[in-house]
């Protein structure tokens, strides 16, 4: 069921999920912005990037490999 939301805003419910991945380079995804090194917690020097999920949610991918 499609839940109502506001245009241009995050969808209702779980709008952002962080997922650990081995390699961002190995994934054929359309990143919202290119993968970048983040120094703050919880990244601690790892690269991260975000993509849109199928319901409009954001999936943050954190490289751990």
Protein backbone atom coordinates (compact mmCIF):
# COMPACT_ATOMS: atom_id res chain seq x y z
CA UNK A 1 0.00 0.00 0.00
CA UNK A 2 1.33 3.42 -0.90
CA UNK A 3 1.44 5.67 2.14
CA UNK A 4 0.64 9.37 1.67
CA UNK A 5 3.53 11.77 1.97
CA UNK A 6 4.68 15.25 1.02
CA UNK A 7 6.38 15.89 -2.33
CA UNK A 8 10.13 16.47 -2.00
CA UNK A 9 10.28 15.13 1.56
CA UNK A 10 11.25 11.78 3.00
CA UNK A 11 8.54 9.12 2.89
CA UNK A 12 6.69 8.26 6.12
CA UNK A 13 8.04 5.39 8.23
CA UNK A 14 11.63 4.21 7.98
CA UNK A 15 12.97 6.83 5.59
CA UNK A 16 16.69 6.08 5.94
CA UNK A 17 18.50 2.80 6.52
CA UNK A 18 22.26 2.34 6.80
CA UNK A 19 23.70 -0.84 5.31
CA UNK A 20 27.27 -2.18 5.43
CA UNK A 21 28.66 -3.26 2.04
CA UNK A 22 32.01 -4.77 1.03
CA UNK A 23 32.67 -2.42 -1.90
CA UNK A 24 30.83 0.61 -3.27
CA UNK A 25 32.77 0.26 -6.53
CA UNK A 26 31.36 -3.24 -7.09
CA UNK A 27 27.76 -2.00 -7.02
CA UNK A 28 26.12 -0.75 -10.21
CA UNK A 29 23.93 1.88 -8.56
CA UNK A 30 22.95 5.46 -9.28
CA UNK A 31 24.28 7.24 -6.20
CA UNK A 32 22.61 10.49 -5.13
CA UNK A 33 26.14 11.85 -4.72
CA UNK A 34 29.42 10.03 -5.43
CA UNK A 35 30.90 7.87 -2.65
CA UNK A 36 32.97 9.96 -0.23
CA UNK A 37 35.19 9.36 2.80
CA UNK A 38 33.50 10.36 6.05
CA UNK A 39 35.69 10.82 9.14
CA UNK A 40 33.04 11.24 11.84
CA UNK A 41 31.37 8.38 13.75
CA UNK A 42 30.15 5.86 12.77
CA UNK A 43 32.12 5.98 9.51
CA UNK A 44 35.65 6.34 10.94
CA UNK A 45 37.35 6.98 7.59
CA UNK A 46 35.15 4.69 5.50
CA UNK A 47 33.44 5.71 2.28
CA UNK A 48 29.68 6.13 2.22
CA UNK A 49 27.08 6.90 -0.43
CA UNK A 50 23.30 7.09 -0.55
CA UNK A 51 20.79 5.79 -3.10
CA UNK A 52 17.01 5.97 -3.44
CA UNK A 53 15.21 2.73 -2.57
CA UNK A 54 12.13 1.40 -4.36
CA UNK A 55 9.67 3.19 -2.02
CA UNK A 56 11.53 6.52 -2.11
CA UNK A 57 13.47 5.78 1.06
CA UNK A 58 17.17 6.51 1.29
CA UNK A 59 19.64 3.65 1.61
CA UNK A 60 22.98 4.75 3.03
CA UNK A 61 25.71 2.33 2.04
CA UNK A 62 28.83 2.25 4.21
CA UNK A 63 31.88 0.50 2.76
CA UNK A 64 33.52 -1.92 5.18
CA UNK A 65 35.73 -4.00 2.82
